[in-house]
Amino acid sequence: MIELGYSLSLRIPDPPQTDYRTASVQALRHDLFCGDVYLAQDELELSTAWGWVPVLDFAWALCDVVEQLDEDPRGSRAAALRTVDLDFTQNTELLRFARRFGHVEVIATWVDEEPLVVRHQELRREARDFLQDVLADLVDLHPELGDNPQIWTVQARYPRI
């Protein structure tokens, strides 16, 4: 089973004047909530240690990636390799997701680890749970964020499975 997690950076706090109720998608996805993320399975872990990864954007983009991997109408019966990259905009590193049949390999370009291999359905469930957990944590930290229509949209688009 894959485990997804994050930590917010103390070095890069959100600007104190931030109005979370009206923050734009751009701000929510790229300017706020910086930290680090990790994906782990058994003894393998792919984690960032940069402190500047936009955590909400990562969770949101991960859900987008999982859906893109599922665009083949044959679904888990598809033999063709389908790849989608999740890139980190502040450097050249990326996570590459490669799906064949019902399994997805996750490779991080910044580590020399074996790829994580997970069932696509499990990745979809865990990615959505991760996004919903991140949103719940951020709303606990900043209650006014719960009033932002952009947050409502992403919550509705990627509900828990």
N, C-alpha and C. Protein backbone atom coordinates (compact mmCIF):
# COMPACT_ATOMS: atom_id res chain seq x y z
N MET A 1 0.83 -1.18 0.00
CA MET A 1 0.00 0.00 0.00
C MET A 1 0.87 1.24 0.00
N ILE A 2 0.47 2.23 -0.77
CA ILE A 2 1.24 3.47 -0.86
C ILE A 2 0.78 4.44 0.22
N GLU A 3 1.73 5.17 0.76
CA GLU A 3 1.43 6.18 1.78
C GLU A 3 1.88 7.53 1.24
N LEU A 4 1.03 8.52 1.36
CA LEU A 4 1.33 9.88 0.92
C LEU A 4 1.34 10.78 2.13
N GLY A 5 2.28 11.70 2.19
CA GLY A 5 2.34 12.60 3.33
C GLY A 5 3.00 13.92 2.96
N TYR A 6 2.98 14.84 3.90
CA TYR A 6 3.55 16.16 3.67
C TYR A 6 3.94 16.81 4.99
N SER A 7 4.72 17.86 4.88
CA SER A 7 4.99 18.74 6.01
C SER A 7 5.09 20.16 5.45
N LEU A 8 4.55 21.10 6.18
CA LEU A 8 4.63 22.50 5.76
C LEU A 8 5.95 23.10 6.24
N SER A 9 6.49 24.00 5.45
CA SER A 9 7.76 24.63 5.75
C SER A 9 7.59 25.77 6.74
N LEU A 10 8.49 25.83 7.69
CA LEU A 10 8.53 26.97 8.60
C LEU A 10 9.36 28.10 8.00
N ARG A 11 10.22 27.75 7.03
CA ARG A 11 11.08 28.75 6.39
C ARG A 11 10.32 29.62 5.39
N ILE A 12 9.25 29.08 4.81
CA ILE A 12 8.51 29.82 3.78
C ILE A 12 7.05 29.91 4.21
N PRO A 13 6.75 30.80 5.15
CA PRO A 13 5.35 30.92 5.60
C PRO A 13 4.53 31.67 4.55
N ASP A 14 3.24 31.49 4.63
CA ASP A 14 2.34 32.26 3.77
C ASP A 14 2.41 33.73 4.18
N PRO A 15 2.25 34.65 3.22
CA PRO A 15 2.24 36.08 3.60
C PRO A 15 1.14 36.36 4.62
N PRO A 16 1.43 37.15 5.65
CA PRO A 16 0.45 37.40 6.71
C PRO A 16 -0.81 38.11 6.21
N GLN A 17 -0.73 38.83 5.12
CA GLN A 17 -1.88 39.57 4.61
C GLN A 17 -2.77 38.72 3.70
N THR A 18 -2.50 37.44 3.58
CA THR A 18 -3.26 36.58 2.68
C THR A 18 -4.73 36.51 3.08
N ASP A 19 -5.59 36.74 2.10
CA ASP A 19 -7.03 36.58 2.30
C ASP A 19 -7.38 35.22 1.69
N TYR A 20 -7.49 34.20 2.51
CA TYR A 20 -7.71 32.84 2.03
C TYR A 20 -9.10 32.67 1.40
N ARG A 21 -10.06 33.52 1.80
CA ARG A 21 -11.42 33.42 1.22
C ARG A 21 -11.44 33.72 -0.27
N THR A 22 -10.56 34.63 -0.71
CA THR A 22 -10.58 35.08 -2.10
C THR A 22 -9.32 34.70 -2.87
N ALA A 23 -8.46 33.90 -2.29
CA ALA A 23 -7.22 33.52 -2.97
C ALA A 23 -7.54 32.85 -4.30
N SER A 24 -6.79 33.22 -5.32
CA SER A 24 -7.00 32.68 -6.66
C SER A 24 -6.45 31.27 -6.76
N VAL A 25 -6.81 30.58 -7.83
CA VAL A 25 -6.26 29.25 -8.09
C VAL A 25 -4.74 29.34 -8.18
N GLN A 26 -4.23 30.35 -8.85
CA GLN A 26 -2.78 30.55 -8.98
C GLN A 26 -2.12 30.62 -7.60
N ALA A 27 -2.68 31.43 -6.72
CA ALA A 27 -2.11 31.57 -5.38
C ALA A 27 -2.21 30.27 -4.60
N LEU A 28 -3.39 29.64 -4.65
CA LEU A 28 -3.59 28.39 -3.91
C LEU A 28 -2.64 27.30 -4.38
N ARG A 29 -2.43 27.23 -5.68
CA ARG A 29 -1.63 26.13 -6.23
C ARG A 29 -0.14 26.40 -6.25
N HIS A 30 0.27 27.66 -6.29
CA HIS A 30 1.69 27.92 -6.50
C HIS A 30 2.36 28.82 -5.47
N ASP A 31 1.59 29.63 -4.76
CA ASP A 31 2.21 30.61 -3.88
C ASP A 31 2.06 30.32 -2.40
N LEU A 32 1.10 29.48 -2.04
CA LEU A 32 0.80 29.24 -0.63
C LEU A 32 1.12 27.80 -0.23
N PHE A 33 1.22 27.56 1.05
CA PHE A 33 1.31 26.22 1.63
C PHE A 33 2.54 25.44 1.13
N CYS A 34 3.71 26.05 1.23
CA CYS A 34 4.94 25.40 0.77
C CYS A 34 5.46 24.44 1.84
N GLY A 35 6.14 23.40 1.38
CA GLY A 35 6.71 22.41 2.28
C GLY A 35 7.35 21.28 1.51
N ASP A 36 7.19 20.08 2.01
CA ASP A 36 7.74 18.88 1.38
C ASP A 36 6.67 17.80 1.33
N VAL A 37 6.84 16.88 0.39
CA VAL A 37 5.90 15.78 0.22
C VAL A 37 6.69 14.47 0.14
N TYR A 38 5.97 13.38 0.40
CA TYR A 38 6.61 12.07 0.23
C TYR A 38 5.58 11.04 -0.21
N LEU A 39 6.09 10.04 -0.92
CA LEU A 39 5.34 8.85 -1.30
C LEU A 39 6.16 7.69 -0.77
N ALA A 40 5.54 6.76 -0.09
CA ALA A 40 6.27 5.64 0.49
C ALA A 40 5.49 4.35 0.30
N GLN A 41 6.24 3.28 0.15
CA GLN A 41 5.66 1.94 0.08
C GLN A 41 6.70 0.98 0.62
N ASP A 42 6.32 0.27 1.66
CA ASP A 42 7.25 -0.63 2.34
C ASP A 42 8.49 0.16 2.74
N GLU A 43 9.68 -0.28 2.30
CA GLU A 43 10.92 0.43 2.67
C GLU A 43 11.28 1.53 1.68
N LEU A 44 10.60 1.61 0.55
CA LEU A 44 10.92 2.62 -0.46
C LEU A 44 10.20 3.92 -0.14
N GLU A 45 10.94 5.04 -0.27
CA GLU A 45 10.33 6.34 -0.05
C GLU A 45 10.89 7.33 -1.07
N LEU A 46 9.99 8.04 -1.70
CA LEU A 46 10.35 9.14 -2.60
C LEU A 46 9.90 10.41 -1.90
N SER A 47 10.86 11.21 -1.46
CA SER A 47 10.49 12.41 -0.73
C SER A 47 11.31 13.60 -1.20
N THR A 48 10.72 14.76 -1.07
CA THR A 48 11.44 15.99 -1.36
C THR A 48 12.02 16.49 -0.04
N ALA A 49 13.06 17.26 -0.12
CA ALA A 49 13.64 17.88 1.07
C ALA A 49 14.04 19.30 0.72
N TRP A 50 13.19 19.92 -0.09
CA TRP A 50 13.50 21.25 -0.60
C TRP A 50 12.84 22.36 0.20
N GLY A 51 11.70 22.07 0.83
CA GLY A 51 11.01 23.05 1.64
C GLY A 51 10.12 24.01 0.89
N TRP A 52 10.13 23.98 -0.43
CA TRP A 52 9.36 24.96 -1.21
C TRP A 52 8.27 24.33 -2.08
N VAL A 53 8.04 23.05 -1.99
CA VAL A 53 7.03 22.39 -2.83
C VAL A 53 5.64 22.88 -2.42
N PRO A 54 4.85 23.41 -3.35
CA PRO A 54 3.48 23.81 -3.01
C PRO A 54 2.64 22.55 -2.73
N VAL A 55 2.37 22.31 -1.47
CA VAL A 55 1.76 21.05 -1.03
C VAL A 55 0.35 20.87 -1.61
N LEU A 56 -0.47 21.91 -1.57
CA LEU A 56 -1.82 21.78 -2.13
C LEU A 56 -1.74 21.51 -3.63
N ASP A 57 -0.86 22.19 -4.33
CA ASP A 57 -0.71 21.95 -5.76
C ASP A 57 -0.28 20.51 -6.02
N PHE A 58 0.63 19.99 -5.23
CA PHE A 58 1.08 18.61 -5.41
C PHE A 58 -0.10 17.65 -5.26
N ALA A 59 -0.89 17.82 -4.21
CA ALA A 59 -2.02 16.93 -3.98
C ALA A 59 -3.04 17.04 -5.11
N TRP A 60 -3.31 18.23 -5.55
CA TRP A 60 -4.25 18.50 -6.64
C TRP A 60 -3.73 17.90 -7.94
N ALA A 61 -2.45 18.16 -8.25
CA ALA A 61 -1.84 17.66 -9.48
C ALA A 61 -1.77 16.13 -9.49
N LEU A 62 -1.53 15.53 -8.33
CA LEU A 62 -1.49 14.08 -8.25
C LEU A 62 -2.84 13.48 -8.64
N CYS A 63 -3.92 14.08 -8.19
CA CYS A 63 -5.25 13.61 -8.60
C CYS A 63 -5.45 13.77 -10.10
N ASP A 64 -4.98 14.88 -10.66
CA ASP A 64 -5.05 15.08 -12.11
C ASP A 64 -4.26 14.00 -12.86
N VAL A 65 -3.07 13.68 -12.37
CA VAL A 65 -2.21 12.67 -13.00
C VAL A 65 -2.91 11.31 -13.01
N VAL A 66 -3.48 10.94 -11.90
CA VAL A 66 -4.15 9.64 -11.80
C VAL A 66 -5.29 9.55 -12.81
N GLU A 67 -6.02 10.64 -12.98
CA GLU A 67 -7.11 10.65 -13.95
C GLU A 67 -6.57 10.57 -15.38
N GLN A 68 -5.46 11.24 -15.66
CA GLN A 68 -4.86 11.17 -17.00
C GLN A 68 -4.37 9.76 -17.31
N LEU A 69 -3.88 9.07 -16.31
CA LEU A 69 -3.43 7.69 -16.52
C LEU A 69 -4.58 6.77 -16.89
N ASP A 70 -5.79 7.18 -16.58
CA ASP A 70 -6.97 6.35 -16.79
C ASP A 70 -7.75 6.73 -18.06
N GLU A 71 -7.17 7.54 -18.93
CA GLU A 71 -7.90 8.00 -20.10
C GLU A 71 -8.06 6.94 -21.19
N ASP A 72 -7.31 5.87 -21.14
CA ASP A 72 -7.48 4.80 -22.12
C ASP A 72 -8.81 4.11 -21.86
N PRO A 73 -9.68 3.99 -22.87
CA PRO A 73 -10.99 3.38 -22.64
C PRO A 73 -10.92 1.92 -22.19
N ARG A 74 -9.79 1.26 -22.43
CA ARG A 74 -9.66 -0.14 -22.00
C ARG A 74 -9.29 -0.26 -20.53
N GLY A 75 -8.97 0.85 -19.89
CA GLY A 75 -8.68 0.85 -18.46
C GLY A 75 -7.58 -0.12 -18.09
N SER A 76 -7.83 -0.97 -17.11
CA SER A 76 -6.81 -1.89 -16.61
C SER A 76 -6.47 -3.00 -17.60
N ARG A 77 -7.22 -3.10 -18.68
CA ARG A 77 -6.90 -4.10 -19.71
C ARG A 77 -5.93 -3.56 -20.75
N ALA A 78 -5.61 -2.27 -20.69
CA ALA A 78 -4.75 -1.64 -21.69
C ALA A 78 -3.31 -2.11 -21.52
N ALA A 79 -2.75 -2.67 -22.58
CA ALA A 79 -1.37 -3.16 -22.55
C ALA A 79 -0.37 -2.06 -22.89
N ALA A 80 -0.81 -1.02 -23.57
CA ALA A 80 0.09 0.06 -23.95
C ALA A 80 0.54 0.84 -22.71
N LEU A 81 1.81 1.19 -22.69
CA LEU A 81 2.35 1.97 -21.58
C LEU A 81 1.85 3.41 -21.70
N ARG A 82 1.32 3.93 -20.64
CA ARG A 82 0.84 5.32 -20.60
C ARG A 82 1.62 6.03 -19.51
N THR A 83 2.28 7.14 -19.86
CA THR A 83 3.07 7.87 -18.87
C THR A 83 2.56 9.30 -18.73
N VAL A 84 2.65 9.80 -17.52
CA VAL A 84 2.32 11.18 -17.21
C VAL A 84 3.37 11.67 -16.22
N ASP A 85 3.87 12.89 -16.44
CA ASP A 85 4.87 13.46 -15.55
C ASP A 85 4.25 14.53 -14.66
N LEU A 86 4.68 14.56 -13.43
CA LEU A 86 4.33 15.61 -12.49
C LEU A 86 5.63 16.35 -12.22
N ASP A 87 5.75 17.55 -12.77
CA ASP A 87 7.02 18.27 -12.63
C ASP A 87 6.95 19.30 -11.52
N PHE A 88 8.13 19.60 -11.01
CA PHE A 88 8.28 20.60 -9.96
C PHE A 88 8.82 21.85 -10.64
N THR A 89 8.06 22.93 -10.60
CA THR A 89 8.35 24.09 -11.42
C THR A 89 9.60 24.86 -11.01
N GLN A 90 10.08 24.71 -9.79
CA GLN A 90 11.24 25.49 -9.35
C GLN A 90 12.56 24.81 -9.70
N ASN A 91 12.52 23.60 -10.25
CA ASN A 91 13.74 22.92 -10.69
C ASN A 91 13.36 21.97 -11.83
N THR A 92 14.29 21.13 -12.23
CA THR A 92 14.03 20.24 -13.37
C THR A 92 13.59 18.85 -12.96
N GLU A 93 13.36 18.63 -11.69
CA GLU A 93 12.98 17.30 -11.21
C GLU A 93 11.51 17.01 -11.49
N LEU A 94 11.20 15.72 -11.55
CA LEU A 94 9.81 15.33 -11.77
C LEU A 94 9.56 13.93 -11.25
N LEU A 95 8.28 13.65 -11.07
CA LEU A 95 7.82 12.29 -10.78
C LEU A 95 7.20 11.78 -12.07
N ARG A 96 7.62 10.61 -12.51
CA ARG A 96 7.06 10.00 -13.71
C ARG A 96 6.18 8.83 -13.29
N PHE A 97 4.95 8.85 -13.77
CA PHE A 97 3.97 7.80 -13.50
C PHE A 97 3.78 7.04 -14.80
N ALA A 98 4.01 5.74 -14.76
CA ALA A 98 3.87 4.90 -15.95
C ALA A 98 2.90 3.77 -15.65
N ARG A 99 1.81 3.73 -16.41
CA ARG A 99 0.79 2.71 -16.18
C ARG A 99 0.78 1.70 -17.32
N ARG A 100 0.78 0.44 -16.94
CA ARG A 100 0.54 -0.66 -17.88
C ARG A 100 -0.39 -1.61 -17.16
N PHE A 101 -1.44 -1.99 -17.86
CA PHE A 101 -2.51 -2.79 -17.26
C PHE A 101 -2.99 -2.03 -16.02
N GLY A 102 -3.12 -2.66 -14.89
CA GLY A 102 -3.67 -2.00 -13.72
C GLY A 102 -2.63 -1.52 -12.73
N HIS A 103 -1.34 -1.50 -13.13
CA HIS A 103 -0.28 -1.10 -12.20
C HIS A 103 0.42 0.17 -12.67
N VAL A 104 0.88 0.95 -11.70
CA VAL A 104 1.56 2.21 -11.98
C VAL A 104 2.92 2.17 -11.31
N GLU A 105 3.97 2.48 -12.09
CA GLU A 105 5.31 2.67 -11.55
C GLU A 105 5.50 4.16 -11.32
N VAL A 106 6.06 4.52 -10.16
CA VAL A 106 6.34 5.91 -9.84
C VAL A 106 7.84 6.06 -9.68
N ILE A 107 8.43 6.91 -10.52
CA ILE A 107 9.87 7.11 -10.53
C ILE A 107 10.15 8.58 -10.23
N ALA A 108 11.08 8.85 -9.32
CA ALA A 108 11.51 10.21 -9.01
C ALA A 108 12.88 10.43 -9.64
N THR A 109 13.04 11.51 -10.40
CA THR A 109 14.31 11.75 -11.09
C THR A 109 15.43 12.17 -10.14
N TRP A 110 15.11 12.59 -8.92
CA TRP A 110 16.15 13.09 -8.02
C TRP A 110 16.71 12.02 -7.07
N VAL A 111 16.23 10.79 -7.16
CA VAL A 111 16.77 9.72 -6.32
C VAL A 111 17.10 8.50 -7.17
N ASP A 112 18.00 7.70 -6.69
CA ASP A 112 18.38 6.47 -7.38
C ASP A 112 17.72 5.26 -6.74
N GLU A 113 16.46 5.38 -6.44
CA GLU A 113 15.70 4.30 -5.82
C GLU A 113 14.97 3.49 -6.88
N GLU A 114 14.59 2.30 -6.50
CA GLU A 114 13.70 1.51 -7.34
C GLU A 114 12.37 2.24 -7.44
N PRO A 115 11.64 2.05 -8.52
CA PRO A 115 10.33 2.71 -8.60
C PRO A 115 9.35 2.09 -7.61
N LEU A 116 8.42 2.91 -7.17
CA LEU A 116 7.30 2.39 -6.40
C LEU A 116 6.32 1.80 -7.41
N VAL A 117 5.75 0.66 -7.10
CA VAL A 117 4.76 0.04 -7.97
C VAL A 117 3.49 -0.15 -7.16
N VAL A 118 2.39 0.38 -7.69
CA VAL A 118 1.13 0.35 -6.97
C VAL A 118 0.00 0.12 -7.96
N ARG A 119 -1.07 -0.48 -7.48
CA ARG A 119 -2.26 -0.65 -8.33
C ARG A 119 -2.87 0.72 -8.60
N HIS A 120 -3.35 0.90 -9.82
CA HIS A 120 -3.92 2.19 -10.21
C HIS A 120 -5.10 2.57 -9.31
N GLN A 121 -5.98 1.63 -9.02
CA GLN A 121 -7.14 1.92 -8.17
C GLN A 121 -6.71 2.37 -6.78
N GLU A 122 -5.67 1.75 -6.26
CA GLU A 122 -5.16 2.14 -4.94
C GLU A 122 -4.58 3.55 -5.00
N LEU A 123 -3.83 3.84 -6.06
CA LEU A 123 -3.25 5.18 -6.21
C LEU A 123 -4.35 6.22 -6.31
N ARG A 124 -5.40 5.93 -7.05
CA ARG A 124 -6.53 6.87 -7.17
C ARG A 124 -7.15 7.13 -5.78
N ARG A 125 -7.42 6.08 -5.05
CA ARG A 125 -8.03 6.22 -3.73
C ARG A 125 -7.12 7.02 -2.79
N GLU A 126 -5.85 6.65 -2.75
CA GLU A 126 -4.92 7.31 -1.83
C GLU A 126 -4.68 8.76 -2.24
N ALA A 127 -4.61 9.06 -3.52
CA ALA A 127 -4.41 10.44 -3.98
C ALA A 127 -5.59 11.31 -3.57
N ARG A 128 -6.80 10.79 -3.75
CA ARG A 128 -7.99 11.57 -3.37
C ARG A 128 -8.07 11.75 -1.85
N ASP A 129 -7.78 10.70 -1.11
CA ASP A 129 -7.76 10.82 0.35
C ASP A 129 -6.72 11.84 0.79
N PHE A 130 -5.55 11.80 0.17
CA PHE A 130 -4.47 12.73 0.49
C PHE A 130 -4.93 14.17 0.23
N LEU A 131 -5.51 14.42 -0.92
CA LEU A 131 -5.99 15.76 -1.24
C LEU A 131 -7.02 16.22 -0.21
N GLN A 132 -7.98 15.37 0.09
CA GLN A 132 -9.03 15.75 1.06
C GLN A 132 -8.43 15.98 2.46
N ASP A 133 -7.44 15.17 2.83
CA ASP A 133 -6.78 15.36 4.13
C ASP A 133 -6.00 16.67 4.17
N VAL A 134 -5.27 16.97 3.09
CA VAL A 134 -4.52 18.23 3.02
C VAL A 134 -5.49 19.40 3.13
N LEU A 135 -6.59 19.35 2.37
CA LEU A 135 -7.58 20.43 2.44
C LEU A 135 -8.14 20.58 3.85
N ALA A 136 -8.48 19.48 4.49
CA ALA A 136 -9.02 19.54 5.85
C ALA A 136 -8.00 20.15 6.81
N ASP A 137 -6.74 19.74 6.69
CA ASP A 137 -5.69 20.30 7.56
C ASP A 137 -5.52 21.80 7.32
N LEU A 138 -5.51 22.21 6.05
CA LEU A 138 -5.32 23.62 5.74
C LEU A 138 -6.50 24.47 6.21
N VAL A 139 -7.70 23.92 6.11
CA VAL A 139 -8.88 24.65 6.61
C VAL A 139 -8.84 24.73 8.13
N ASP A 140 -8.31 23.71 8.80
CA ASP A 140 -8.13 23.79 10.26
C ASP A 140 -7.15 24.91 10.62
N LEU A 141 -6.08 25.05 9.82
CA LEU A 141 -5.09 26.10 10.08
C LEU A 141 -5.63 27.49 9.72
N HIS A 142 -6.40 27.55 8.65
CA HIS A 142 -6.92 28.82 8.14
C HIS A 142 -8.41 28.65 7.86
N PRO A 143 -9.27 28.78 8.86
CA PRO A 143 -10.70 28.50 8.69
C PRO A 143 -11.36 29.24 7.53
N GLU A 144 -10.88 30.45 7.22
CA GLU A 144 -11.47 31.20 6.12
C GLU A 144 -11.23 30.54 4.76
N LEU A 145 -10.26 29.67 4.67
CA LEU A 145 -10.00 28.93 3.42
C LEU A 145 -11.21 28.07 3.05
N GLY A 146 -11.93 27.60 4.03
CA GLY A 146 -13.13 26.80 3.78
C GLY A 146 -14.23 27.56 3.07
N ASP A 147 -14.14 28.89 3.02
CA ASP A 147 -15.12 29.73 2.33
C ASP A 147 -14.70 30.06 0.90
N ASN A 148 -13.55 29.57 0.47
CA ASN A 148 -13.06 29.87 -0.88
C ASN A 148 -13.73 28.95 -1.91
N PRO A 149 -14.39 29.52 -2.92
CA PRO A 149 -15.07 28.70 -3.94
C PRO A 149 -14.13 27.77 -4.71
N GLN A 150 -12.87 28.14 -4.83
CA GLN A 150 -11.91 27.27 -5.52
C GLN A 150 -11.71 25.96 -4.74
N ILE A 151 -11.74 26.07 -3.44
CA ILE A 151 -11.60 24.89 -2.58
C ILE A 151 -12.83 24.01 -2.73
N TRP A 152 -14.00 24.61 -2.77
CA TRP A 152 -15.24 23.83 -2.96
C TRP A 152 -15.16 23.06 -4.28
N THR A 153 -14.66 23.72 -5.32
CA THR A 153 -14.58 23.09 -6.64
C THR A 153 -13.67 21.87 -6.62
N VAL A 154 -12.49 22.01 -6.04
CA VAL A 154 -11.57 20.87 -6.03
C VAL A 154 -12.07 19.76 -5.12
N GLN A 155 -12.72 20.10 -4.02
CA GLN A 155 -13.29 19.09 -3.14
C GLN A 155 -14.37 18.28 -3.87
N ALA A 156 -15.18 18.96 -4.65
CA ALA A 156 -16.25 18.28 -5.40
C ALA A 156 -15.69 17.47 -6.56
N ARG A 157 -14.64 17.96 -7.19
CA ARG A 157 -14.06 17.26 -8.35
C ARG A 157 -13.39 15.96 -7.96
N TYR A 158 -12.75 15.94 -6.79
CA TYR A 158 -12.01 14.76 -6.34
C TYR A 158 -12.49 14.29 -4.97
N PRO A 159 -13.70 13.80 -4.87
CA PRO A 159 -14.18 13.32 -3.56
C PRO A 159 -13.46 12.04 -3.14
N ARG A 160 -13.56 11.73 -1.88
CA ARG A 160 -13.01 10.45 -1.41
C ARG A 160 -13.73 9.31 -2.11
N ILE A 161 -13.02 8.22 -2.30
CA ILE A 161 -13.63 7.04 -2.94
C ILE A 161 -13.93 6.02 -1.86
